[in-house]
Amino acid sequence: MTAAASSGRLSTLSRLPVRRIVLIVLGVVIAVAAIAGAQATLESGRFSGEVWRDLFIQGIARGAVYALIALGYTLVYGILLIINFAHGEVFMAGAFTTLFLAGYLASSGLFASQPVLSLLIMLVFSALVSMGVAILLERIAYRPLRGAPRLVPLITAIGASLFLQYTFRGFYGEQVRAYPNLAALSGDWNILGLEIDRARVVVIGAAIVIWSSLYVFIARTKTGRAMRAVGEDREIAALMGINVDRIIVITFAIGGALAGMAGILFVLLFNQVSFDMGFIPGLKAFTAAVLGGIGSITGAALGGLILGIVEAVGPILFLSGAGIPSVGQLTTVVSFGILVLVLIFLPGGFLGAPEEKRA
């Protein structure tokens, strides 16, 4: 029996390096193919520097939205070590509900006369709606399962995601709806000699302000320090007098508010909402959180920007030179291909595993 057990252990150990080698070879093949495709595209000269610049700025704006959604994933994971897969629907809830407020603002003339005030009202309203949905999720779906195995909250999150999707489908309908046009954001602004779309400038600027405010809040305030303490060890934090339940609710509320504001920034870029609009951006934001190092708010921001830029630039850069038609349809393939490479060679993300490093 001892000899058989030893033989089994040796057999298992002998298989591990082979698996690792296969992954490395696969990663190298993908990397070589990407480099070859990029070289062929650049040598073809089909795209001007202006096109690359516009794609890069578009990627930053898209990545800023992913980063704000990813912050919700990383905050909840940092506190509870669970993945809130219903977070994409929290993002959807704020943006979809604010559509009706936007319609009222447009019909009242406030959109035209006070565009900045209108945008601020929509951001606040969307944040409040998403915050409310996130708090309800924590109270109803997650709090009763805190002592359960980690697989149980994961399954619950998926169920909550579907529940929210089809609840909003029942309330608001299944058709895609467009927001009223905010005329003040039409056209370009000249920034340092570059003509940049106004909506993208607003999205990038707002995302920087929101992320910076969150970073200062987590680092400098008493509640932020309490959040970090609960993330390190809930039991010790409770012994130190921290109200753990309150901190967890605050964490979900902040994550929900960030998702709600991200929903309005998403609308500024794409100008449409639907009951299932949260699924793909939510999945990509989760990817961004993993890419940067889930559990780190700096990593979430970095991962979102990288993913957005790769999505905007990658399909054309890596695939156009190979003569592949409709490369824009392969955006998700390119972005997740990059994720595979990162997880093969840097499994903890760019800023390390959450157990080892937090922002």
Protein backbone atom coordinates (compact mmCIF):
# COMPACT_ATOMS: atom_id res chain seq x y z
CA MET A 1 0.00 0.00 0.00
CA THR A 2 2.83 2.39 0.86
CA ALA A 3 4.61 1.70 -2.42
CA ALA A 4 1.37 2.24 -4.36
CA ALA A 5 0.70 5.53 -2.57
CA SER A 6 4.24 6.73 -3.25
CA SER A 7 3.88 5.75 -6.90
CA GLY A 8 0.64 7.72 -7.15
CA ARG A 9 2.23 10.81 -5.64
CA LEU A 10 5.20 10.58 -8.01
CA SER A 11 2.85 10.20 -10.94
CA THR A 12 0.93 13.33 -9.89
CA LEU A 13 4.11 15.33 -9.47
CA SER A 14 5.39 14.22 -12.87
CA ARG A 15 2.26 15.52 -14.55
CA LEU A 16 2.42 19.00 -13.05
CA PRO A 17 5.48 20.24 -14.97
CA VAL A 18 4.00 18.98 -18.24
CA ARG A 19 0.83 21.00 -17.68
CA ARG A 20 2.88 24.05 -16.89
CA ILE A 21 4.98 23.59 -20.01
CA VAL A 22 1.86 23.25 -22.16
CA LEU A 23 0.49 26.51 -20.74
CA ILE A 24 3.77 28.31 -21.34
CA VAL A 25 3.99 27.01 -24.90
CA LEU A 26 0.40 28.12 -25.53
CA GLY A 27 1.17 31.56 -24.12
CA VAL A 28 4.30 31.89 -26.26
CA VAL A 29 2.37 30.89 -29.39
CA ILE A 30 -0.33 33.51 -28.67
CA ALA A 31 2.30 36.17 -27.95
CA VAL A 32 4.27 35.39 -31.14
CA ALA A 33 1.08 35.45 -33.23
CA ALA A 34 0.10 38.81 -31.70
CA ILE A 35 3.54 40.31 -32.38
CA ALA A 36 3.52 39.02 -35.97
CA GLY A 37 0.04 40.41 -36.55
CA ALA A 38 0.98 43.80 -35.11
CA GLN A 39 4.09 43.97 -37.28
CA ALA A 40 2.12 43.14 -40.43
CA THR A 41 -0.52 45.78 -39.60
CA LEU A 42 2.03 48.52 -38.93
CA GLU A 43 4.04 47.70 -42.07
CA SER A 44 0.90 47.86 -44.21
CA GLY A 45 0.51 51.58 -43.46
CA ARG A 46 -3.29 51.34 -43.74
CA PHE A 47 -3.92 53.35 -40.58
CA SER A 48 -2.65 56.85 -39.89
CA GLY A 49 -1.32 58.16 -36.62
CA GLU A 50 -4.59 60.05 -36.14
CA VAL A 51 -6.55 56.80 -36.29
CA TRP A 52 -4.30 55.18 -33.68
CA ARG A 53 -4.62 58.24 -31.48
CA ASP A 54 -8.43 58.19 -31.67
CA LEU A 55 -8.49 54.46 -30.91
CA PHE A 56 -6.20 54.97 -27.92
CA ILE A 57 -8.38 57.74 -26.47
CA GLN A 58 -11.49 55.67 -27.11
CA GLY A 59 -9.84 52.81 -25.22
CA ILE A 60 -9.00 55.02 -22.25
CA ALA A 61 -12.61 56.23 -22.04
CA ARG A 62 -13.99 52.71 -22.27
CA GLY A 63 -11.42 51.46 -19.76
CA ALA A 64 -12.41 54.23 -17.33
CA VAL A 65 -15.95 52.81 -17.25
CA TYR A 66 -14.65 49.26 -16.74
CA ALA A 67 -12.42 50.52 -13.94
CA LEU A 68 -15.30 52.09 -12.02
CA ILE A 69 -17.36 48.90 -12.26
CA ALA A 70 -14.31 46.81 -11.33
CA LEU A 71 -13.89 48.84 -8.14
CA GLY A 72 -17.18 47.38 -6.89
CA TYR A 73 -15.94 43.84 -7.47
CA THR A 74 -12.63 44.50 -5.78
CA LEU A 75 -14.12 46.29 -2.74
CA VAL A 76 -16.55 43.46 -2.00
CA TYR A 77 -13.88 40.83 -2.57
CA GLY A 78 -11.46 42.68 -0.33
CA ILE A 79 -14.00 42.59 2.54
CA LEU A 80 -15.86 39.28 2.10
CA LEU A 81 -13.65 37.30 -0.31
CA ILE A 82 -16.66 36.67 -2.57
CA ILE A 83 -17.30 37.62 -6.19
CA ASN A 84 -20.53 39.58 -6.53
CA PHE A 85 -21.53 38.46 -10.02
CA ALA A 86 -24.75 40.48 -9.69
CA HIS A 87 -22.68 43.67 -9.79
CA GLY A 88 -23.23 44.05 -13.54
CA GLU A 89 -26.98 44.28 -12.86
CA VAL A 90 -26.34 46.89 -10.15
CA PHE A 91 -24.61 48.90 -12.90
CA MET A 92 -27.59 48.35 -15.20
CA ALA A 93 -30.18 49.32 -12.58
CA GLY A 94 -28.87 52.85 -12.13
CA ALA A 95 -28.38 53.63 -15.81
CA PHE A 96 -31.73 52.14 -16.91
CA THR A 97 -33.77 53.84 -14.18
CA THR A 98 -32.11 57.21 -14.80
CA LEU A 99 -33.34 57.04 -18.41
CA PHE A 100 -36.75 58.25 -17.22
CA LEU A 101 -35.24 61.11 -15.25
CA ALA A 102 -33.18 62.08 -18.31
CA GLY A 103 -36.36 62.17 -20.38
CA TYR A 104 -37.96 64.55 -17.88
CA LEU A 105 -34.86 66.79 -17.81
CA ALA A 106 -34.83 66.94 -21.60
CA SER A 107 -38.54 67.72 -21.91
CA SER A 108 -38.29 70.45 -19.25
CA GLY A 109 -35.48 72.16 -21.15
CA LEU A 110 -32.90 71.70 -18.39
CA PHE A 111 -30.72 69.57 -20.68
CA ALA A 112 -30.30 72.50 -23.04
CA SER A 113 -30.08 75.34 -20.50
CA GLN A 114 -28.08 73.62 -17.71
CA PRO A 115 -26.15 70.65 -19.18
CA VAL A 116 -23.61 70.42 -16.33
CA LEU A 117 -26.30 70.47 -13.66
CA SER A 118 -28.34 67.90 -15.61
CA LEU A 119 -25.35 65.57 -15.82
CA LEU A 120 -24.64 65.92 -12.10
CA ILE A 121 -28.28 65.20 -11.26
CA MET A 122 -28.19 62.06 -13.40
CA LEU A 123 -24.93 60.88 -11.81
CA VAL A 124 -26.29 61.34 -8.29
CA PHE A 125 -29.65 59.74 -9.07
CA SER A 126 -28.08 56.74 -10.80
CA ALA A 127 -25.63 56.31 -7.91
CA LEU A 128 -28.49 56.34 -5.40
CA VAL A 129 -30.52 53.76 -7.34
CA SER A 130 -27.57 51.40 -7.76
CA MET A 131 -26.59 51.94 -4.12
CA GLY A 132 -30.06 50.90 -3.00
CA VAL A 133 -29.98 47.76 -5.15
CA ALA A 134 -26.51 46.85 -3.84
CA ILE A 135 -27.59 47.28 -0.20
CA LEU A 136 -30.66 45.09 -0.79
CA LEU A 137 -28.43 42.44 -2.36
CA GLU A 138 -26.17 42.44 0.68
CA ARG A 139 -29.03 42.29 3.15
CA ILE A 140 -31.16 39.68 1.38
CA ALA A 141 -28.76 37.55 -0.67
CA TYR A 142 -25.36 37.65 1.02
CA ARG A 143 -25.68 38.38 4.74
CA PRO A 144 -27.51 35.11 5.56
CA LEU A 145 -24.72 33.17 3.78
CA ARG A 146 -21.63 34.62 5.45
CA GLY A 147 -20.79 31.40 7.23
CA ALA A 148 -21.56 29.20 4.22
CA PRO A 149 -18.92 27.63 1.92
CA ARG A 150 -17.66 30.11 -0.68
CA LEU A 151 -19.38 28.27 -3.52
CA VAL A 152 -22.82 29.03 -2.05
CA PRO A 153 -22.59 32.86 -2.28
CA LEU A 154 -21.20 32.45 -5.80
CA ILE A 155 -24.26 30.48 -6.92
CA THR A 156 -26.49 32.96 -5.10
CA ALA A 157 -24.82 35.85 -6.94
CA ILE A 158 -25.56 34.24 -10.30
CA GLY A 159 -29.18 33.72 -9.25
CA ALA A 160 -29.44 37.31 -8.05
CA SER A 161 -28.02 38.50 -11.37
CA LEU A 162 -30.70 36.68 -13.35
CA PHE A 163 -33.40 37.82 -10.93
CA LEU A 164 -32.45 41.47 -11.37
CA GLN A 165 -32.17 41.17 -15.15
CA TYR A 166 -35.65 39.78 -15.60
CA THR A 167 -37.19 41.98 -12.93
CA PHE A 168 -36.04 45.06 -14.84
CA ARG A 169 -37.14 43.45 -18.09
CA GLY A 170 -40.62 43.10 -16.60
CA PHE A 171 -40.67 46.68 -15.30
CA TYR A 172 -39.07 48.51 -18.22
CA GLY A 173 -39.49 46.18 -21.21
CA GLU A 174 -37.00 44.22 -23.27
CA GLN A 175 -36.31 46.77 -26.01
CA VAL A 176 -33.12 48.79 -26.26
CA ARG A 177 -33.74 52.44 -25.40
CA ALA A 178 -31.76 55.56 -26.24
CA TYR A 179 -31.03 58.46 -23.89
CA PRO A 180 -31.96 62.01 -24.95
CA ASN A 181 -29.10 63.74 -26.73
CA LEU A 182 -27.01 66.05 -24.54
CA ALA A 183 -26.11 68.68 -27.14
CA ALA A 184 -23.37 70.23 -24.98
CA LEU A 185 -21.30 67.04 -25.40
CA SER A 186 -21.57 66.96 -29.20
CA GLY A 187 -18.43 67.80 -31.15
CA ASP A 188 -14.79 68.03 -30.08
CA TRP A 189 -12.62 70.05 -27.72
CA ASN A 190 -9.12 71.15 -28.65
CA ILE A 191 -6.80 69.91 -25.90
CA LEU A 192 -3.07 70.49 -26.35
CA GLY A 193 -3.61 70.72 -30.09
CA LEU A 194 -5.63 67.50 -30.26
CA GLU A 195 -9.27 67.35 -31.30
CA ILE A 196 -10.91 65.02 -28.76
CA ASP A 197 -14.56 64.04 -28.51
CA ARG A 198 -16.20 65.95 -25.66
CA ALA A 199 -18.02 62.94 -24.23
CA ARG A 200 -14.76 61.00 -23.94
CA VAL A 201 -13.08 63.92 -22.18
CA VAL A 202 -15.94 64.11 -19.65
CA VAL A 203 -15.88 60.35 -19.08
CA ILE A 204 -12.12 60.23 -18.50
CA GLY A 205 -12.14 63.33 -16.28
CA ALA A 206 -15.07 62.13 -14.19
CA ALA A 207 -13.53 58.67 -13.74
CA ILE A 208 -10.25 60.21 -12.52
CA VAL A 209 -12.09 62.40 -9.99
CA ILE A 210 -14.22 59.49 -8.74
CA TRP A 211 -11.30 57.08 -8.41
CA SER A 212 -9.12 59.68 -6.68
CA SER A 213 -11.93 60.47 -4.21
CA LEU A 214 -12.34 56.78 -3.42
CA TYR A 215 -8.60 56.34 -2.93
CA VAL A 216 -8.44 59.26 -0.50
CA PHE A 217 -11.56 57.99 1.31
CA ILE A 218 -10.08 54.50 1.78
CA ALA A 219 -6.65 55.79 2.78
CA ARG A 220 -7.45 58.79 4.96
CA THR A 221 -10.88 58.48 6.60
CA LYS A 222 -11.86 56.58 9.72
CA THR A 223 -14.42 54.54 7.78
CA GLY A 224 -11.82 53.73 5.13
CA ARG A 225 -9.39 52.49 7.77
CA ALA A 226 -12.18 50.40 9.27
CA MET A 227 -12.87 48.89 5.83
CA ARG A 228 -9.22 47.92 5.49
CA ALA A 229 -9.23 46.44 8.99
CA VAL A 230 -12.33 44.33 8.26
CA GLY A 231 -10.72 43.20 5.01
CA GLU A 232 -7.64 42.02 6.91
CA ASP A 233 -9.47 40.14 9.68
CA ARG A 234 -13.16 40.51 10.49
CA GLU A 235 -12.93 38.84 13.90
CA ILE A 236 -10.05 41.00 15.12
CA ALA A 237 -11.76 44.09 13.72
CA ALA A 238 -14.91 43.25 15.70
CA LEU A 239 -12.85 42.81 18.88
CA MET A 240 -11.41 46.29 18.28
CA GLY A 241 -14.92 47.76 18.38
CA ILE A 242 -15.60 48.03 14.64
CA ASN A 243 -19.19 47.39 13.60
CA VAL A 244 -18.48 44.78 10.93
CA ASP A 245 -22.05 44.62 9.58
CA ARG A 246 -22.11 48.39 9.15
CA ILE A 247 -18.77 48.38 7.33
CA ILE A 248 -19.91 45.64 4.97
CA VAL A 249 -23.10 47.57 4.14
CA ILE A 250 -21.01 50.70 3.50
CA THR A 251 -18.74 48.69 1.20
CA PHE A 252 -21.68 47.45 -0.86
CA ALA A 253 -23.15 50.97 -0.89
CA ILE A 254 -19.92 52.50 -2.20
CA GLY A 255 -19.52 49.78 -4.82
CA GLY A 256 -23.12 50.30 -5.92
CA ALA A 257 -22.70 54.07 -6.14
CA LEU A 258 -19.58 53.64 -8.28
CA ALA A 259 -21.45 51.25 -10.58
CA GLY A 260 -24.34 53.71 -10.89
CA MET A 261 -22.04 56.55 -11.89
CA ALA A 262 -20.27 54.22 -14.31
CA GLY A 263 -23.66 53.55 -15.88
CA ILE A 264 -24.12 57.23 -16.75
CA LEU A 265 -20.58 57.46 -18.14
CA PHE A 266 -21.34 54.34 -20.22
CA VAL A 267 -24.43 56.10 -21.59
CA LEU A 268 -22.32 59.12 -22.57
CA LEU A 269 -20.21 56.79 -24.74
CA PHE A 270 -22.87 54.47 -26.17
CA ASN A 271 -26.18 56.32 -25.57
CA GLN A 272 -28.36 53.25 -25.03
CA VAL A 273 -29.62 51.02 -22.24
CA SER A 274 -31.38 47.66 -21.96
CA PHE A 275 -32.24 45.13 -19.26
CA ASP A 276 -29.23 42.94 -20.16
CA MET A 277 -26.71 45.75 -20.64
CA GLY A 278 -24.86 44.86 -17.43
CA PHE A 279 -23.78 41.34 -18.36
CA ILE A 280 -20.92 41.97 -20.79
CA PRO A 281 -19.54 45.16 -19.14
CA GLY A 282 -19.82 43.41 -15.77
CA LEU A 283 -17.89 40.41 -17.01
CA LYS A 284 -15.23 42.62 -18.56
CA ALA A 285 -14.98 44.68 -15.37
CA PHE A 286 -14.44 41.47 -13.42
CA THR A 287 -11.72 40.60 -15.92
CA ALA A 288 -10.20 44.04 -15.33
CA ALA A 289 -10.22 43.46 -11.56
CA VAL A 290 -8.45 40.12 -12.00
CA LEU A 291 -6.05 41.64 -14.51
CA GLY A 292 -4.93 44.35 -12.13
CA GLY A 293 -5.01 42.18 -9.00
CA ILE A 294 -8.42 41.68 -7.43
CA GLY A 295 -8.57 43.21 -3.98
CA SER A 296 -6.58 46.29 -5.01
CA ILE A 297 -8.38 49.50 -5.98
CA THR A 298 -5.28 50.66 -7.85
CA GLY A 299 -5.21 47.32 -9.64
CA ALA A 300 -8.88 47.66 -10.62
CA ALA A 301 -8.20 51.05 -12.19
CA LEU A 302 -5.08 49.80 -13.96
CA GLY A 303 -6.79 46.65 -15.19
CA GLY A 304 -9.76 48.61 -16.52
CA LEU A 305 -7.55 51.01 -18.48
CA ILE A 306 -5.45 48.18 -19.93
CA LEU A 307 -8.53 46.19 -20.94
CA GLY A 308 -10.20 49.22 -22.52
CA ILE A 309 -7.11 50.13 -24.56
CA VAL A 310 -6.59 46.53 -25.66
CA GLU A 311 -10.22 46.29 -26.75
CA ALA A 312 -10.03 49.49 -28.78
CA VAL A 313 -6.59 49.03 -30.33
CA GLY A 314 -6.01 45.28 -30.19
CA PRO A 315 -8.35 43.90 -32.88
CA ILE A 316 -7.04 46.29 -35.54
CA LEU A 317 -3.42 46.10 -34.42
CA PHE A 318 -3.17 42.33 -34.06
CA LEU A 319 -5.61 41.06 -36.69
CA SER A 320 -5.90 43.55 -39.56
CA GLY A 321 -2.46 42.66 -40.92
CA ALA A 322 -3.53 39.03 -41.17
CA GLY A 323 -6.37 39.95 -43.55
CA ILE A 324 -9.11 38.95 -41.12
CA PRO A 325 -12.44 40.64 -42.01
CA SER A 326 -14.67 42.33 -39.41
CA VAL A 327 -11.97 42.51 -36.76
CA GLY A 328 -14.25 44.70 -34.65
CA GLN A 329 -16.35 41.62 -33.95
CA LEU A 330 -13.35 39.97 -32.30
CA THR A 331 -12.88 42.59 -29.60
CA THR A 332 -13.81 40.22 -26.80
CA VAL A 333 -11.54 37.49 -28.19
CA VAL A 334 -8.53 39.80 -28.13
CA SER A 335 -9.22 41.18 -24.66
CA PHE A 336 -9.71 37.76 -23.10
CA GLY A 337 -6.69 36.42 -24.99
CA ILE A 338 -4.59 39.05 -23.22
CA LEU A 339 -6.17 37.97 -19.93
CA VAL A 340 -5.15 34.36 -20.60
CA LEU A 341 -1.55 35.45 -21.14
CA VAL A 342 -1.51 37.44 -17.91
CA LEU A 343 -3.02 34.61 -15.88
CA ILE A 344 -0.49 32.14 -17.30
CA PHE A 345 2.58 34.22 -16.56
CA LEU A 346 1.32 36.45 -13.71
CA PRO A 347 -1.59 34.65 -11.98
CA GLY A 348 -2.04 37.28 -9.27
CA GLY A 349 -2.52 40.12 -11.76
CA PHE A 350 -0.23 43.09 -12.25
CA LEU A 351 -0.31 44.22 -8.63
CA GLY A 352 -0.08 40.81 -7.01
CA ALA A 353 -2.51 38.50 -5.29
CA PRO A 354 -4.96 40.15 -2.91
CA GLU A 355 -3.71 38.14 0.05
CA GLU A 356 -0.25 39.58 -0.54
CA LYS A 357 -0.91 43.14 -1.67
CA ARG A 358 -3.79 45.59 -1.30
CA ALA A 359 -4.01 49.21 -2.36
